[in-house]
Amino acid sequence: MKSAVIVFPASNCDRDAKVALEAMTGKAPAMVWHQDSELPPVDLVVLPGGFSYGDYLRCGAMASQSKIMGAIKAHAEKGAAVLGICNGFQVLTESGLLPGALMRNAGLKFVCRNVALKVEETQSAFTRKYDSGQTVTFPVAHGEGNYYADDETLDRLEGEGRVMFRYRDNPNGSARDIAGILSEKRNVLGLMPHPERMVDPVTGGSDGRAMFQGLIEALS
């Protein structure tokens, strides 16, 4: 599986994603600057966590206007895989690749801790190596992770099996405890918690490995 990680100004998890992908695939991902206009030939594009553009205006809003987003949208339209983690999820909603929005946490405080998640759906390249209903632990680190969409959109996400992860103990007030959602074509995943930080037991756990293993099997 060939992969690329997008680097925005003030990304701070791009290297975490690089380390995780290299450990899992044995190949270093391409690190693509946000003002590049083209992607290399890859199977997976990762929009990492961090604070692109210092989270000014709205989280992910300025990054969603970067030149590389045109190439990412074309990549997604072809049915190729895109993973947006934390700030990457915010960029995906701001760019229209996923519905809804990420708002300020309900408690108005930055949340940084491990959280338990329920795997809701396994019918995707991202979750195929998990069991439905399985509990996994990923860390969160965000101030604007409160997922919002109108009831019609939420019902559609639920009805189409596009809610992939839910919080067991909602840390931010997200609607219906949603932690991660999938696009209509089931090839774009937005996820607030960080699976890339859970691939090595030495650094806290390995629950994220199954996500990358599933992607490797599906995309190689």
N, C-alpha and C. Protein backbone atom coordinates (compact mmCIF):
# COMPACT_ATOMS: atom_id res chain seq x y z
N MET A 1 0.83 -1.19 0.00
CA MET A 1 0.00 0.00 0.00
C MET A 1 0.87 1.25 0.00
N LYS A 2 0.65 2.13 -0.96
CA LYS A 2 1.36 3.39 -1.02
C LYS A 2 0.49 4.47 -0.38
N SER A 3 1.13 5.33 0.40
CA SER A 3 0.36 6.33 1.14
C SER A 3 1.04 7.69 1.08
N ALA A 4 0.24 8.71 1.41
CA ALA A 4 0.73 10.09 1.49
C ALA A 4 0.13 10.75 2.71
N VAL A 5 0.89 11.60 3.36
CA VAL A 5 0.43 12.40 4.49
C VAL A 5 0.52 13.86 4.08
N ILE A 6 -0.57 14.58 4.23
CA ILE A 6 -0.60 16.00 3.88
C ILE A 6 -0.04 16.82 5.04
N VAL A 7 0.82 17.78 4.71
CA VAL A 7 1.44 18.64 5.73
C VAL A 7 0.91 20.06 5.57
N PHE A 8 0.15 20.51 6.56
CA PHE A 8 -0.35 21.88 6.60
C PHE A 8 0.51 22.71 7.56
N PRO A 9 0.50 24.04 7.43
CA PRO A 9 1.17 24.86 8.44
C PRO A 9 0.56 24.59 9.82
N ALA A 10 1.38 24.25 10.78
CA ALA A 10 0.99 23.94 12.16
C ALA A 10 0.38 22.56 12.33
N SER A 11 0.50 21.69 11.32
CA SER A 11 0.21 20.28 11.58
C SER A 11 1.18 19.83 12.68
N ASN A 12 0.70 19.03 13.61
CA ASN A 12 1.65 18.50 14.61
C ASN A 12 1.54 16.99 14.77
N CYS A 13 0.69 16.37 13.94
CA CYS A 13 0.57 14.91 14.00
C CYS A 13 0.94 14.27 12.66
N ASP A 14 1.47 15.07 11.74
CA ASP A 14 1.89 14.52 10.46
C ASP A 14 3.02 13.50 10.64
N ARG A 15 3.91 13.78 11.58
CA ARG A 15 5.01 12.84 11.81
C ARG A 15 4.53 11.60 12.56
N ASP A 16 3.52 11.75 13.42
CA ASP A 16 2.92 10.58 14.06
C ASP A 16 2.33 9.65 12.99
N ALA A 17 1.63 10.24 12.03
CA ALA A 17 1.05 9.45 10.95
C ALA A 17 2.14 8.79 10.11
N LYS A 18 3.21 9.52 9.85
CA LYS A 18 4.32 8.97 9.07
C LYS A 18 4.94 7.77 9.78
N VAL A 19 5.20 7.93 11.07
CA VAL A 19 5.82 6.84 11.84
C VAL A 19 4.92 5.61 11.85
N ALA A 20 3.61 5.82 12.06
CA ALA A 20 2.68 4.69 12.11
C ALA A 20 2.60 3.99 10.76
N LEU A 21 2.50 4.74 9.68
CA LEU A 21 2.39 4.14 8.35
C LEU A 21 3.67 3.39 7.98
N GLU A 22 4.80 3.98 8.30
CA GLU A 22 6.06 3.32 7.97
C GLU A 22 6.22 2.03 8.79
N ALA A 23 5.81 2.07 10.05
CA ALA A 23 5.91 0.87 10.89
C ALA A 23 5.00 -0.24 10.38
N MET A 24 3.81 0.14 9.91
CA MET A 24 2.83 -0.86 9.50
C MET A 24 3.08 -1.38 8.09
N THR A 25 3.55 -0.52 7.19
CA THR A 25 3.70 -0.92 5.79
C THR A 25 5.13 -1.25 5.40
N GLY A 26 6.09 -0.79 6.20
CA GLY A 26 7.49 -0.97 5.84
C GLY A 26 7.97 0.02 4.81
N LYS A 27 7.10 0.99 4.45
CA LYS A 27 7.44 2.00 3.46
C LYS A 27 7.08 3.38 4.00
N ALA A 28 7.99 4.33 3.82
CA ALA A 28 7.71 5.68 4.27
C ALA A 28 6.66 6.32 3.36
N PRO A 29 5.66 6.99 3.94
CA PRO A 29 4.68 7.67 3.09
C PRO A 29 5.28 8.92 2.46
N ALA A 30 4.71 9.36 1.36
CA ALA A 30 5.08 10.64 0.78
C ALA A 30 4.54 11.74 1.68
N MET A 31 5.37 12.73 1.98
CA MET A 31 4.93 13.87 2.78
C MET A 31 4.65 15.01 1.80
N VAL A 32 3.38 15.36 1.66
CA VAL A 32 2.92 16.27 0.62
C VAL A 32 2.57 17.63 1.22
N TRP A 33 3.25 18.67 0.78
CA TRP A 33 3.00 20.02 1.26
C TRP A 33 1.64 20.51 0.75
N HIS A 34 0.93 21.23 1.59
CA HIS A 34 -0.46 21.61 1.30
C HIS A 34 -0.59 22.50 0.07
N GLN A 35 0.46 23.17 -0.34
CA GLN A 35 0.37 24.03 -1.51
C GLN A 35 0.81 23.33 -2.79
N ASP A 36 1.15 22.05 -2.70
CA ASP A 36 1.35 21.28 -3.92
C ASP A 36 -0.01 21.10 -4.59
N SER A 37 0.00 20.95 -5.90
CA SER A 37 -1.26 20.82 -6.62
C SER A 37 -1.57 19.40 -7.04
N GLU A 38 -0.60 18.48 -6.85
CA GLU A 38 -0.81 17.11 -7.27
C GLU A 38 -0.39 16.14 -6.17
N LEU A 39 -1.03 14.98 -6.17
CA LEU A 39 -0.64 13.89 -5.30
C LEU A 39 0.21 12.90 -6.08
N PRO A 40 1.17 12.25 -5.42
CA PRO A 40 1.84 11.13 -6.08
C PRO A 40 0.86 9.98 -6.22
N PRO A 41 1.17 8.97 -7.02
CA PRO A 41 0.26 7.82 -7.14
C PRO A 41 0.24 7.00 -5.85
N VAL A 42 -0.82 7.15 -5.08
CA VAL A 42 -0.93 6.47 -3.78
C VAL A 42 -2.31 5.85 -3.64
N ASP A 43 -2.41 4.92 -2.70
CA ASP A 43 -3.68 4.25 -2.40
C ASP A 43 -4.44 4.95 -1.27
N LEU A 44 -3.70 5.55 -0.35
CA LEU A 44 -4.29 6.17 0.84
C LEU A 44 -3.71 7.56 1.04
N VAL A 45 -4.59 8.53 1.32
CA VAL A 45 -4.16 9.87 1.70
C VAL A 45 -4.62 10.12 3.13
N VAL A 46 -3.70 10.59 3.97
CA VAL A 46 -4.01 10.89 5.37
C VAL A 46 -3.91 12.39 5.60
N LEU A 47 -5.00 12.96 6.11
CA LEU A 47 -5.00 14.34 6.58
C LEU A 47 -4.82 14.26 8.10
N PRO A 48 -3.68 14.71 8.62
CA PRO A 48 -3.35 14.44 10.02
C PRO A 48 -3.97 15.44 10.99
N GLY A 49 -3.79 15.13 12.25
CA GLY A 49 -4.23 16.04 13.30
C GLY A 49 -3.26 17.19 13.48
N GLY A 50 -3.67 18.15 14.28
CA GLY A 50 -2.84 19.32 14.55
C GLY A 50 -3.70 20.57 14.62
N PHE A 51 -3.11 21.67 14.28
CA PHE A 51 -3.81 22.96 14.41
C PHE A 51 -3.53 23.79 13.17
N SER A 52 -3.92 23.28 12.01
CA SER A 52 -3.60 23.94 10.75
C SER A 52 -4.02 25.41 10.79
N TYR A 53 -3.07 26.24 10.37
CA TYR A 53 -3.27 27.70 10.37
C TYR A 53 -3.63 28.22 11.76
N GLY A 54 -3.18 27.52 12.80
CA GLY A 54 -3.43 27.97 14.16
C GLY A 54 -4.88 27.91 14.58
N ASP A 55 -5.71 27.15 13.83
CA ASP A 55 -7.15 27.06 14.11
C ASP A 55 -7.85 28.41 14.02
N TYR A 56 -7.27 29.34 13.25
CA TYR A 56 -7.95 30.63 13.06
C TYR A 56 -9.16 30.45 12.17
N LEU A 57 -10.08 31.40 12.25
CA LEU A 57 -11.36 31.40 11.54
C LEU A 57 -12.23 30.29 12.10
N ARG A 58 -12.16 29.08 11.53
CA ARG A 58 -12.76 27.87 12.10
C ARG A 58 -11.75 26.76 11.89
N CYS A 59 -11.75 25.79 12.78
CA CYS A 59 -10.78 24.70 12.65
C CYS A 59 -10.95 24.01 11.30
N GLY A 60 -9.89 23.96 10.52
CA GLY A 60 -9.90 23.29 9.23
C GLY A 60 -10.39 24.13 8.08
N ALA A 61 -10.95 25.31 8.36
CA ALA A 61 -11.55 26.12 7.29
C ALA A 61 -10.50 26.64 6.32
N MET A 62 -9.41 27.17 6.83
CA MET A 62 -8.37 27.70 5.95
C MET A 62 -7.64 26.57 5.22
N ALA A 63 -7.38 25.48 5.92
CA ALA A 63 -6.72 24.34 5.28
C ALA A 63 -7.56 23.76 4.15
N SER A 64 -8.88 23.85 4.29
CA SER A 64 -9.76 23.29 3.26
C SER A 64 -9.64 24.02 1.93
N GLN A 65 -9.02 25.21 1.96
CA GLN A 65 -8.84 25.99 0.73
C GLN A 65 -7.44 25.79 0.11
N SER A 66 -6.64 24.93 0.69
CA SER A 66 -5.29 24.69 0.18
C SER A 66 -5.34 24.07 -1.22
N LYS A 67 -4.29 24.32 -2.00
CA LYS A 67 -4.24 23.81 -3.37
C LYS A 67 -4.40 22.30 -3.44
N ILE A 68 -3.81 21.59 -2.49
CA ILE A 68 -3.81 20.13 -2.56
C ILE A 68 -5.21 19.56 -2.42
N MET A 69 -6.17 20.33 -1.90
CA MET A 69 -7.50 19.79 -1.68
C MET A 69 -8.19 19.42 -2.99
N GLY A 70 -7.87 20.10 -4.07
CA GLY A 70 -8.44 19.73 -5.36
C GLY A 70 -8.04 18.32 -5.75
N ALA A 71 -6.77 18.00 -5.54
CA ALA A 71 -6.27 16.66 -5.86
C ALA A 71 -6.86 15.62 -4.91
N ILE A 72 -7.05 16.00 -3.64
CA ILE A 72 -7.63 15.07 -2.68
C ILE A 72 -9.09 14.77 -3.03
N LYS A 73 -9.83 15.80 -3.44
CA LYS A 73 -11.23 15.58 -3.85
C LYS A 73 -11.29 14.66 -5.07
N ALA A 74 -10.40 14.86 -6.02
CA ALA A 74 -10.36 13.98 -7.20
C ALA A 74 -10.01 12.56 -6.81
N HIS A 75 -9.08 12.42 -5.89
CA HIS A 75 -8.68 11.11 -5.37
C HIS A 75 -9.88 10.41 -4.74
N ALA A 76 -10.65 11.15 -3.93
CA ALA A 76 -11.82 10.57 -3.26
C ALA A 76 -12.92 10.24 -4.26
N GLU A 77 -13.12 11.10 -5.25
CA GLU A 77 -14.17 10.88 -6.24
C GLU A 77 -13.92 9.60 -7.05
N LYS A 78 -12.67 9.21 -7.17
CA LYS A 78 -12.32 7.96 -7.87
C LYS A 78 -12.58 6.73 -7.00
N GLY A 79 -12.95 6.96 -5.75
CA GLY A 79 -13.19 5.85 -4.83
C GLY A 79 -11.97 5.46 -4.04
N ALA A 80 -10.90 6.25 -4.13
CA ALA A 80 -9.67 5.95 -3.39
C ALA A 80 -9.82 6.40 -1.93
N ALA A 81 -8.98 5.84 -1.07
CA ALA A 81 -9.15 6.01 0.38
C ALA A 81 -8.55 7.32 0.89
N VAL A 82 -9.29 7.96 1.79
CA VAL A 82 -8.85 9.18 2.48
C VAL A 82 -9.18 9.00 3.96
N LEU A 83 -8.22 9.28 4.81
CA LEU A 83 -8.41 9.21 6.26
C LEU A 83 -8.08 10.56 6.86
N GLY A 84 -9.07 11.18 7.51
CA GLY A 84 -8.86 12.45 8.19
C GLY A 84 -8.95 12.25 9.69
N ILE A 85 -7.88 12.57 10.40
CA ILE A 85 -7.80 12.35 11.84
C ILE A 85 -7.79 13.68 12.56
N CYS A 86 -8.72 13.88 13.50
CA CYS A 86 -8.78 15.08 14.33
C CYS A 86 -8.90 16.32 13.45
N ASN A 87 -7.86 17.14 13.35
CA ASN A 87 -7.93 18.31 12.47
C ASN A 87 -8.22 17.89 11.03
N GLY A 88 -7.74 16.71 10.64
CA GLY A 88 -8.04 16.20 9.31
C GLY A 88 -9.53 15.97 9.11
N PHE A 89 -10.23 15.52 10.15
CA PHE A 89 -11.69 15.36 10.11
C PHE A 89 -12.34 16.73 9.92
N GLN A 90 -11.84 17.72 10.65
CA GLN A 90 -12.37 19.07 10.52
C GLN A 90 -12.19 19.59 9.09
N VAL A 91 -11.04 19.32 8.49
CA VAL A 91 -10.78 19.75 7.11
C VAL A 91 -11.75 19.06 6.16
N LEU A 92 -12.02 17.78 6.39
CA LEU A 92 -12.92 17.03 5.51
C LEU A 92 -14.34 17.59 5.56
N THR A 93 -14.81 18.01 6.74
CA THR A 93 -16.15 18.59 6.82
C THR A 93 -16.16 19.98 6.20
N GLU A 94 -15.13 20.76 6.43
CA GLU A 94 -15.06 22.10 5.86
C GLU A 94 -14.98 22.08 4.33
N SER A 95 -14.39 21.04 3.78
CA SER A 95 -14.23 20.95 2.32
C SER A 95 -15.41 20.26 1.65
N GLY A 96 -16.37 19.76 2.45
CA GLY A 96 -17.55 19.12 1.89
C GLY A 96 -17.37 17.65 1.57
N LEU A 97 -16.23 17.08 1.92
CA LEU A 97 -16.03 15.66 1.66
C LEU A 97 -16.78 14.78 2.66
N LEU A 98 -17.13 15.36 3.80
CA LEU A 98 -17.98 14.69 4.79
C LEU A 98 -19.01 15.69 5.29
N PRO A 99 -20.19 15.21 5.69
CA PRO A 99 -21.23 16.13 6.17
C PRO A 99 -21.01 16.53 7.62
N GLY A 100 -21.69 17.59 8.02
CA GLY A 100 -21.64 18.02 9.41
C GLY A 100 -20.53 18.99 9.69
N ALA A 101 -20.29 19.23 10.97
CA ALA A 101 -19.27 20.19 11.41
C ALA A 101 -18.76 19.78 12.78
N LEU A 102 -17.55 20.21 13.10
CA LEU A 102 -16.96 19.99 14.43
C LEU A 102 -16.96 21.32 15.17
N MET A 103 -17.68 21.38 16.28
CA MET A 103 -17.82 22.60 17.06
C MET A 103 -16.99 22.53 18.34
N ARG A 104 -17.02 23.64 19.08
CA ARG A 104 -16.33 23.67 20.37
C ARG A 104 -16.86 22.57 21.27
N ASN A 105 -15.96 21.96 22.03
CA ASN A 105 -16.38 20.95 22.99
C ASN A 105 -17.46 21.51 23.91
N ALA A 106 -18.40 20.67 24.28
CA ALA A 106 -19.54 21.12 25.10
C ALA A 106 -19.07 21.75 26.41
N GLY A 107 -17.99 21.22 26.97
CA GLY A 107 -17.48 21.77 28.22
C GLY A 107 -16.57 22.97 28.05
N LEU A 108 -16.33 23.38 26.78
CA LEU A 108 -15.50 24.54 26.43
C LEU A 108 -14.07 24.39 26.92
N LYS A 109 -13.62 23.14 27.09
CA LYS A 109 -12.25 22.88 27.51
C LYS A 109 -11.58 21.91 26.54
N PHE A 110 -10.29 22.07 26.37
CA PHE A 110 -9.51 21.12 25.58
C PHE A 110 -9.49 19.78 26.30
N VAL A 111 -9.72 18.71 25.56
CA VAL A 111 -9.75 17.37 26.13
C VAL A 111 -8.57 16.58 25.58
N CYS A 112 -7.75 16.03 26.46
CA CYS A 112 -6.57 15.26 26.03
C CYS A 112 -6.44 14.03 26.94
N ARG A 113 -6.93 12.90 26.47
CA ARG A 113 -6.87 11.67 27.25
C ARG A 113 -7.28 10.50 26.37
N ASN A 114 -7.05 9.30 26.85
CA ASN A 114 -7.53 8.12 26.16
C ASN A 114 -9.04 7.99 26.35
N VAL A 115 -9.72 7.55 25.30
CA VAL A 115 -11.16 7.36 25.38
C VAL A 115 -11.52 5.98 24.82
N ALA A 116 -12.59 5.41 25.34
CA ALA A 116 -13.10 4.13 24.85
C ALA A 116 -14.09 4.40 23.73
N LEU A 117 -13.97 3.63 22.66
CA LEU A 117 -14.85 3.76 21.50
C LEU A 117 -15.51 2.43 21.20
N LYS A 118 -16.74 2.49 20.73
CA LYS A 118 -17.43 1.31 20.23
C LYS A 118 -17.32 1.28 18.71
N VAL A 119 -16.87 0.16 18.16
CA VAL A 119 -16.83 -0.01 16.71
C VAL A 119 -18.25 -0.34 16.26
N GLU A 120 -18.86 0.56 15.49
CA GLU A 120 -20.25 0.38 15.08
C GLU A 120 -20.37 -0.44 13.79
N GLU A 121 -19.48 -0.19 12.84
CA GLU A 121 -19.58 -0.82 11.53
C GLU A 121 -18.24 -1.41 11.12
N THR A 122 -18.27 -2.55 10.49
CA THR A 122 -17.03 -3.19 10.02
C THR A 122 -16.99 -3.32 8.50
N GLN A 123 -18.02 -2.77 7.83
CA GLN A 123 -18.08 -2.88 6.37
C GLN A 123 -17.36 -1.70 5.72
N SER A 124 -16.05 -1.66 5.92
CA SER A 124 -15.22 -0.65 5.27
C SER A 124 -13.78 -1.10 5.35
N ALA A 125 -12.95 -0.54 4.47
CA ALA A 125 -11.52 -0.87 4.51
C ALA A 125 -10.90 -0.45 5.84
N PHE A 126 -11.46 0.57 6.47
CA PHE A 126 -10.89 1.12 7.70
C PHE A 126 -11.19 0.24 8.92
N THR A 127 -12.30 -0.46 8.90
CA THR A 127 -12.75 -1.16 10.11
C THR A 127 -12.91 -2.67 9.91
N ARG A 128 -12.51 -3.18 8.78
CA ARG A 128 -12.76 -4.60 8.45
C ARG A 128 -12.05 -5.57 9.38
N LYS A 129 -11.01 -5.13 10.07
CA LYS A 129 -10.27 -6.01 10.97
C LYS A 129 -10.75 -5.92 12.42
N TYR A 130 -11.76 -5.08 12.66
CA TYR A 130 -12.38 -5.02 13.98
C TYR A 130 -13.64 -5.88 13.99
N ASP A 131 -14.16 -6.13 15.18
CA ASP A 131 -15.44 -6.82 15.34
C ASP A 131 -16.52 -5.78 15.64
N SER A 132 -17.70 -6.00 15.10
CA SER A 132 -18.82 -5.10 15.39
C SER A 132 -19.11 -5.13 16.88
N GLY A 133 -19.21 -3.96 17.48
CA GLY A 133 -19.47 -3.85 18.91
C GLY A 133 -18.22 -3.88 19.76
N GLN A 134 -17.07 -4.10 19.15
CA GLN A 134 -15.80 -4.15 19.89
C GLN A 134 -15.49 -2.80 20.52
N THR A 135 -14.91 -2.82 21.69
CA THR A 135 -14.43 -1.59 22.33
C THR A 135 -12.94 -1.44 22.10
N VAL A 136 -12.54 -0.27 21.62
CA VAL A 136 -11.12 0.03 21.41
C VAL A 136 -10.80 1.32 22.14
N THR A 137 -9.53 1.54 22.40
CA THR A 137 -9.09 2.75 23.09
C THR A 137 -8.14 3.53 22.20
N PHE A 138 -8.51 4.77 21.90
CA PHE A 138 -7.67 5.72 21.17
C PHE A 138 -7.58 7.00 22.00
N PRO A 139 -6.50 7.77 21.86
CA PRO A 139 -6.45 9.07 22.54
C PRO A 139 -7.16 10.16 21.75
N VAL A 140 -7.68 11.14 22.46
CA VAL A 140 -8.19 12.36 21.85
C VAL A 140 -7.34 13.53 22.33
N ALA A 141 -7.29 14.57 21.51
CA ALA A 141 -6.59 15.81 21.90
C ALA A 141 -7.17 16.94 21.05
N HIS A 142 -8.28 17.51 21.53
CA HIS A 142 -8.95 18.53 20.73
C HIS A 142 -9.79 19.47 21.61
N GLY A 143 -10.01 20.64 21.08
CA GLY A 143 -10.91 21.60 21.72
C GLY A 143 -12.19 21.77 20.94
N GLU A 144 -12.20 21.30 19.67
CA GLU A 144 -13.35 21.42 18.80
C GLU A 144 -13.66 20.06 18.17
N GLY A 145 -14.13 19.14 18.99
CA GLY A 145 -14.43 17.80 18.51
C GLY A 145 -15.89 17.43 18.63
N ASN A 146 -16.72 18.41 18.89
CA ASN A 146 -18.15 18.21 19.13
C ASN A 146 -18.87 18.09 17.78
N TYR A 147 -19.10 16.83 17.34
CA TYR A 147 -19.69 16.63 16.01
C TYR A 147 -21.15 17.05 15.99
N TYR A 148 -21.50 17.84 14.97
CA TYR A 148 -22.87 18.32 14.81
C TYR A 148 -23.33 18.09 13.38
N ALA A 149 -24.57 17.65 13.23
CA ALA A 149 -25.27 17.64 11.95
C ALA A 149 -26.76 17.70 12.27
N ASP A 150 -27.57 18.13 11.32
CA ASP A 150 -29.01 18.18 11.56
C ASP A 150 -29.56 16.76 11.66
N ASP A 151 -30.78 16.64 12.18
CA ASP A 151 -31.35 15.32 12.43
C ASP A 151 -31.49 14.50 11.16
N GLU A 152 -31.83 15.15 10.05
CA GLU A 152 -31.98 14.42 8.79
C GLU A 152 -30.65 13.78 8.38
N THR A 153 -29.57 14.55 8.52
CA THR A 153 -28.24 14.03 8.17
C THR A 153 -27.83 12.91 9.12
N LEU A 154 -28.08 13.12 10.41
CA LEU A 154 -27.74 12.09 11.40
C LEU A 154 -28.51 10.79 11.13
N ASP A 155 -29.79 10.93 10.81
CA ASP A 155 -30.60 9.74 10.51
C ASP A 155 -30.07 9.03 9.27
N ARG A 156 -29.65 9.80 8.27
CA ARG A 156 -29.11 9.20 7.05
C ARG A 156 -27.80 8.47 7.35
N LEU A 157 -26.93 9.09 8.13
CA LEU A 157 -25.67 8.43 8.51
C LEU A 157 -25.94 7.11 9.24
N GLU A 158 -26.89 7.16 10.16
CA GLU A 158 -27.24 5.95 10.91
C GLU A 158 -27.83 4.89 9.98
N GLY A 159 -28.79 5.31 9.15
CA GLY A 159 -29.49 4.37 8.30
C GLY A 159 -28.61 3.73 7.25
N GLU A 160 -27.58 4.44 6.80
CA GLU A 160 -26.68 3.93 5.77
C GLU A 160 -25.45 3.24 6.35
N GLY A 161 -25.43 3.07 7.67
CA GLY A 161 -24.30 2.40 8.30
C GLY A 161 -23.00 3.15 8.15
N ARG A 162 -23.06 4.48 8.28
CA ARG A 162 -21.86 5.31 8.07
C ARG A 162 -21.31 5.89 9.36
N VAL A 163 -21.95 5.58 10.50
CA VAL A 163 -21.34 5.92 11.80
C VAL A 163 -20.42 4.77 12.14
N MET A 164 -19.12 5.03 12.13
CA MET A 164 -18.14 3.95 12.27
C MET A 164 -17.70 3.74 13.72
N PHE A 165 -17.58 4.83 14.46
CA PHE A 165 -17.16 4.74 15.87
C PHE A 165 -18.04 5.67 16.70
N ARG A 166 -18.34 5.21 17.93
CA ARG A 166 -19.03 6.06 18.90
C ARG A 166 -18.23 6.08 20.19
N TYR A 167 -18.32 7.20 20.89
CA TYR A 167 -17.72 7.30 22.21
C TYR A 167 -18.52 6.48 23.21
N ARG A 168 -17.82 5.72 24.04
CA ARG A 168 -18.48 5.04 25.15
C ARG A 168 -18.82 6.05 26.25
N ASP A 169 -17.96 7.04 26.42
CA ASP A 169 -18.17 8.10 27.41
C ASP A 169 -17.84 9.41 26.72
N ASN A 170 -18.84 10.01 26.14
CA ASN A 170 -18.67 11.16 25.24
C ASN A 170 -17.89 12.30 25.91
N PRO A 171 -16.69 12.64 25.39
CA PRO A 171 -15.87 13.65 26.04
C PRO A 171 -16.12 15.08 25.55
N ASN A 172 -16.96 15.23 24.51
CA ASN A 172 -17.04 16.56 23.89
C ASN A 172 -18.45 17.00 23.52
N GLY A 173 -19.45 16.17 23.76
CA GLY A 173 -20.83 16.53 23.46
C GLY A 173 -21.29 16.17 22.06
N SER A 174 -20.53 15.38 21.33
CA SER A 174 -20.89 15.04 19.95
C SER A 174 -22.29 14.44 19.86
N ALA A 175 -23.01 14.83 18.81
CA ALA A 175 -24.35 14.31 18.57
C ALA A 175 -24.31 12.79 18.48
N ARG A 176 -25.19 12.15 19.21
CA ARG A 176 -25.34 10.69 19.21
C ARG A 176 -24.02 9.96 19.49
N ASP A 177 -23.15 10.63 20.23
CA ASP A 177 -21.86 10.05 20.66
C ASP A 177 -20.94 9.72 19.47
N ILE A 178 -21.13 10.39 18.35
CA ILE A 178 -20.39 10.05 17.13
C ILE A 178 -18.94 10.49 17.24
N ALA A 179 -18.03 9.55 16.97
CA ALA A 179 -16.59 9.84 16.96
C ALA A 179 -15.99 9.76 15.57
N GLY A 180 -16.66 9.05 14.65
CA GLY A 180 -16.11 8.91 13.31
C GLY A 180 -17.19 8.51 12.32
N ILE A 181 -17.14 9.10 11.10
CA ILE A 181 -18.15 8.82 10.08
C ILE A 181 -17.48 8.54 8.74
N LEU A 182 -18.26 7.91 7.86
CA LEU A 182 -17.79 7.50 6.56
C LEU A 182 -18.56 8.25 5.47
N SER A 183 -17.92 8.44 4.33
CA SER A 183 -18.57 9.08 3.19
C SER A 183 -19.56 8.13 2.52
N GLU A 184 -20.35 8.66 1.60
CA GLU A 184 -21.35 7.84 0.89
C GLU A 184 -20.69 6.68 0.14
N LYS A 185 -19.54 6.93 -0.46
CA LYS A 185 -18.85 5.86 -1.19
C LYS A 185 -18.07 4.93 -0.27
N ARG A 186 -18.07 5.24 1.03
CA ARG A 186 -17.42 4.42 2.06
C ARG A 186 -15.90 4.38 1.90
N ASN A 187 -15.34 5.41 1.31
CA ASN A 187 -13.89 5.46 1.10
C ASN A 187 -13.22 6.62 1.82
N VAL A 188 -13.99 7.48 2.47
CA VAL A 188 -13.44 8.62 3.20
C VAL A 188 -13.91 8.51 4.65
N LEU A 189 -12.95 8.42 5.57
CA LEU A 189 -13.27 8.32 7.00
C LEU A 189 -12.76 9.55 7.73
N GLY A 190 -13.64 10.18 8.50
CA GLY A 190 -13.25 11.24 9.41
C GLY A 190 -13.38 10.74 10.83
N LEU A 191 -12.35 10.95 11.64
CA LEU A 191 -12.28 10.38 12.99
C LEU A 191 -11.58 11.35 13.91
N MET A 192 -12.23 11.73 15.02
CA MET A 192 -11.58 12.66 15.95
C MET A 192 -10.48 11.99 16.77
N PRO A 193 -10.66 10.81 17.35
CA PRO A 193 -9.56 10.17 18.09
C PRO A 193 -8.43 9.74 17.16
N HIS A 194 -7.29 9.41 17.75
CA HIS A 194 -6.04 9.20 17.01
C HIS A 194 -5.61 7.72 16.97
N PRO A 195 -5.98 6.97 15.93
CA PRO A 195 -5.52 5.58 15.83
C PRO A 195 -4.03 5.46 15.57
N GLU A 196 -3.44 6.47 14.94
CA GLU A 196 -2.01 6.41 14.61
C GLU A 196 -1.13 6.46 15.85
N ARG A 197 -1.69 6.88 16.97
CA ARG A 197 -0.93 6.91 18.23
C ARG A 197 -1.07 5.60 19.01
N MET A 198 -1.78 4.64 18.42
CA MET A 198 -2.00 3.36 19.09
C MET A 198 -1.59 2.20 18.18
N VAL A 199 -0.38 2.27 17.66
CA VAL A 199 0.13 1.16 16.85
C VAL A 199 1.31 0.46 17.51
N ASP A 200 1.81 1.02 18.59
CA ASP A 200 2.97 0.44 19.27
C ASP A 200 2.68 0.35 20.76
N PRO A 201 2.65 -0.85 21.34
CA PRO A 201 2.37 -0.98 22.77
C PRO A 201 3.32 -0.16 23.64
N VAL A 202 4.53 0.08 23.16
CA VAL A 202 5.50 0.84 23.94
C VAL A 202 5.01 2.27 24.19
N THR A 203 4.22 2.80 23.27
CA THR A 203 3.74 4.17 23.41
C THR A 203 2.29 4.25 23.88
N GLY A 204 1.75 3.14 24.40
CA GLY A 204 0.45 3.22 25.05
C GLY A 204 -0.60 2.22 24.64
N GLY A 205 -0.42 1.54 23.52
CA GLY A 205 -1.44 0.57 23.13
C GLY A 205 -1.31 0.20 21.66
N SER A 206 -2.13 -0.74 21.23
CA SER A 206 -2.04 -1.22 19.85
C SER A 206 -3.39 -1.34 19.18
N ASP A 207 -4.43 -0.70 19.74
CA ASP A 207 -5.76 -0.82 19.15
C ASP A 207 -5.88 -0.18 17.78
N GLY A 208 -4.95 0.70 17.43
CA GLY A 208 -4.98 1.32 16.11
C GLY A 208 -4.43 0.45 15.00
N ARG A 209 -3.71 -0.59 15.35
CA ARG A 209 -3.06 -1.42 14.34
C ARG A 209 -4.07 -2.05 13.38
N ALA A 210 -5.21 -2.48 13.90
CA ALA A 210 -6.20 -3.16 13.06
C ALA A 210 -6.71 -2.25 11.95
N MET A 211 -6.79 -0.93 12.21
CA MET A 211 -7.22 -0.03 11.15
C MET A 211 -6.24 -0.05 9.99
N PHE A 212 -4.96 0.05 10.30
CA PHE A 212 -3.95 0.08 9.24
C PHE A 212 -3.78 -1.30 8.59
N GLN A 213 -3.94 -2.35 9.37
CA GLN A 213 -3.89 -3.69 8.79
C GLN A 213 -5.02 -3.90 7.79
N GLY A 214 -6.21 -3.42 8.14
CA GLY A 214 -7.33 -3.52 7.22
C GLY A 214 -7.10 -2.75 5.94
N LEU A 215 -6.55 -1.56 6.08
CA LEU A 215 -6.26 -0.74 4.90
C LEU A 215 -5.22 -1.41 4.02
N ILE A 216 -4.19 -1.95 4.64
CA ILE A 216 -3.13 -2.63 3.87
C ILE A 216 -3.71 -3.79 3.09
N GLU A 217 -4.55 -4.60 3.73
CA GLU A 217 -5.15 -5.75 3.05
C GLU A 217 -6.09 -5.33 1.94
N ALA A 218 -6.85 -4.27 2.19
CA ALA A 218 -7.85 -3.84 1.20
C ALA A 218 -7.24 -3.10 0.02
N LEU A 219 -6.11 -2.41 0.25
CA LEU A 219 -5.59 -1.49 -0.77
C LEU A 219 -4.32 -1.98 -1.44
N SER A 220 -3.72 -3.03 -0.93
CA SER A 220 -2.47 -3.51 -1.52
C SER A 220 -2.74 -4.38 -2.74
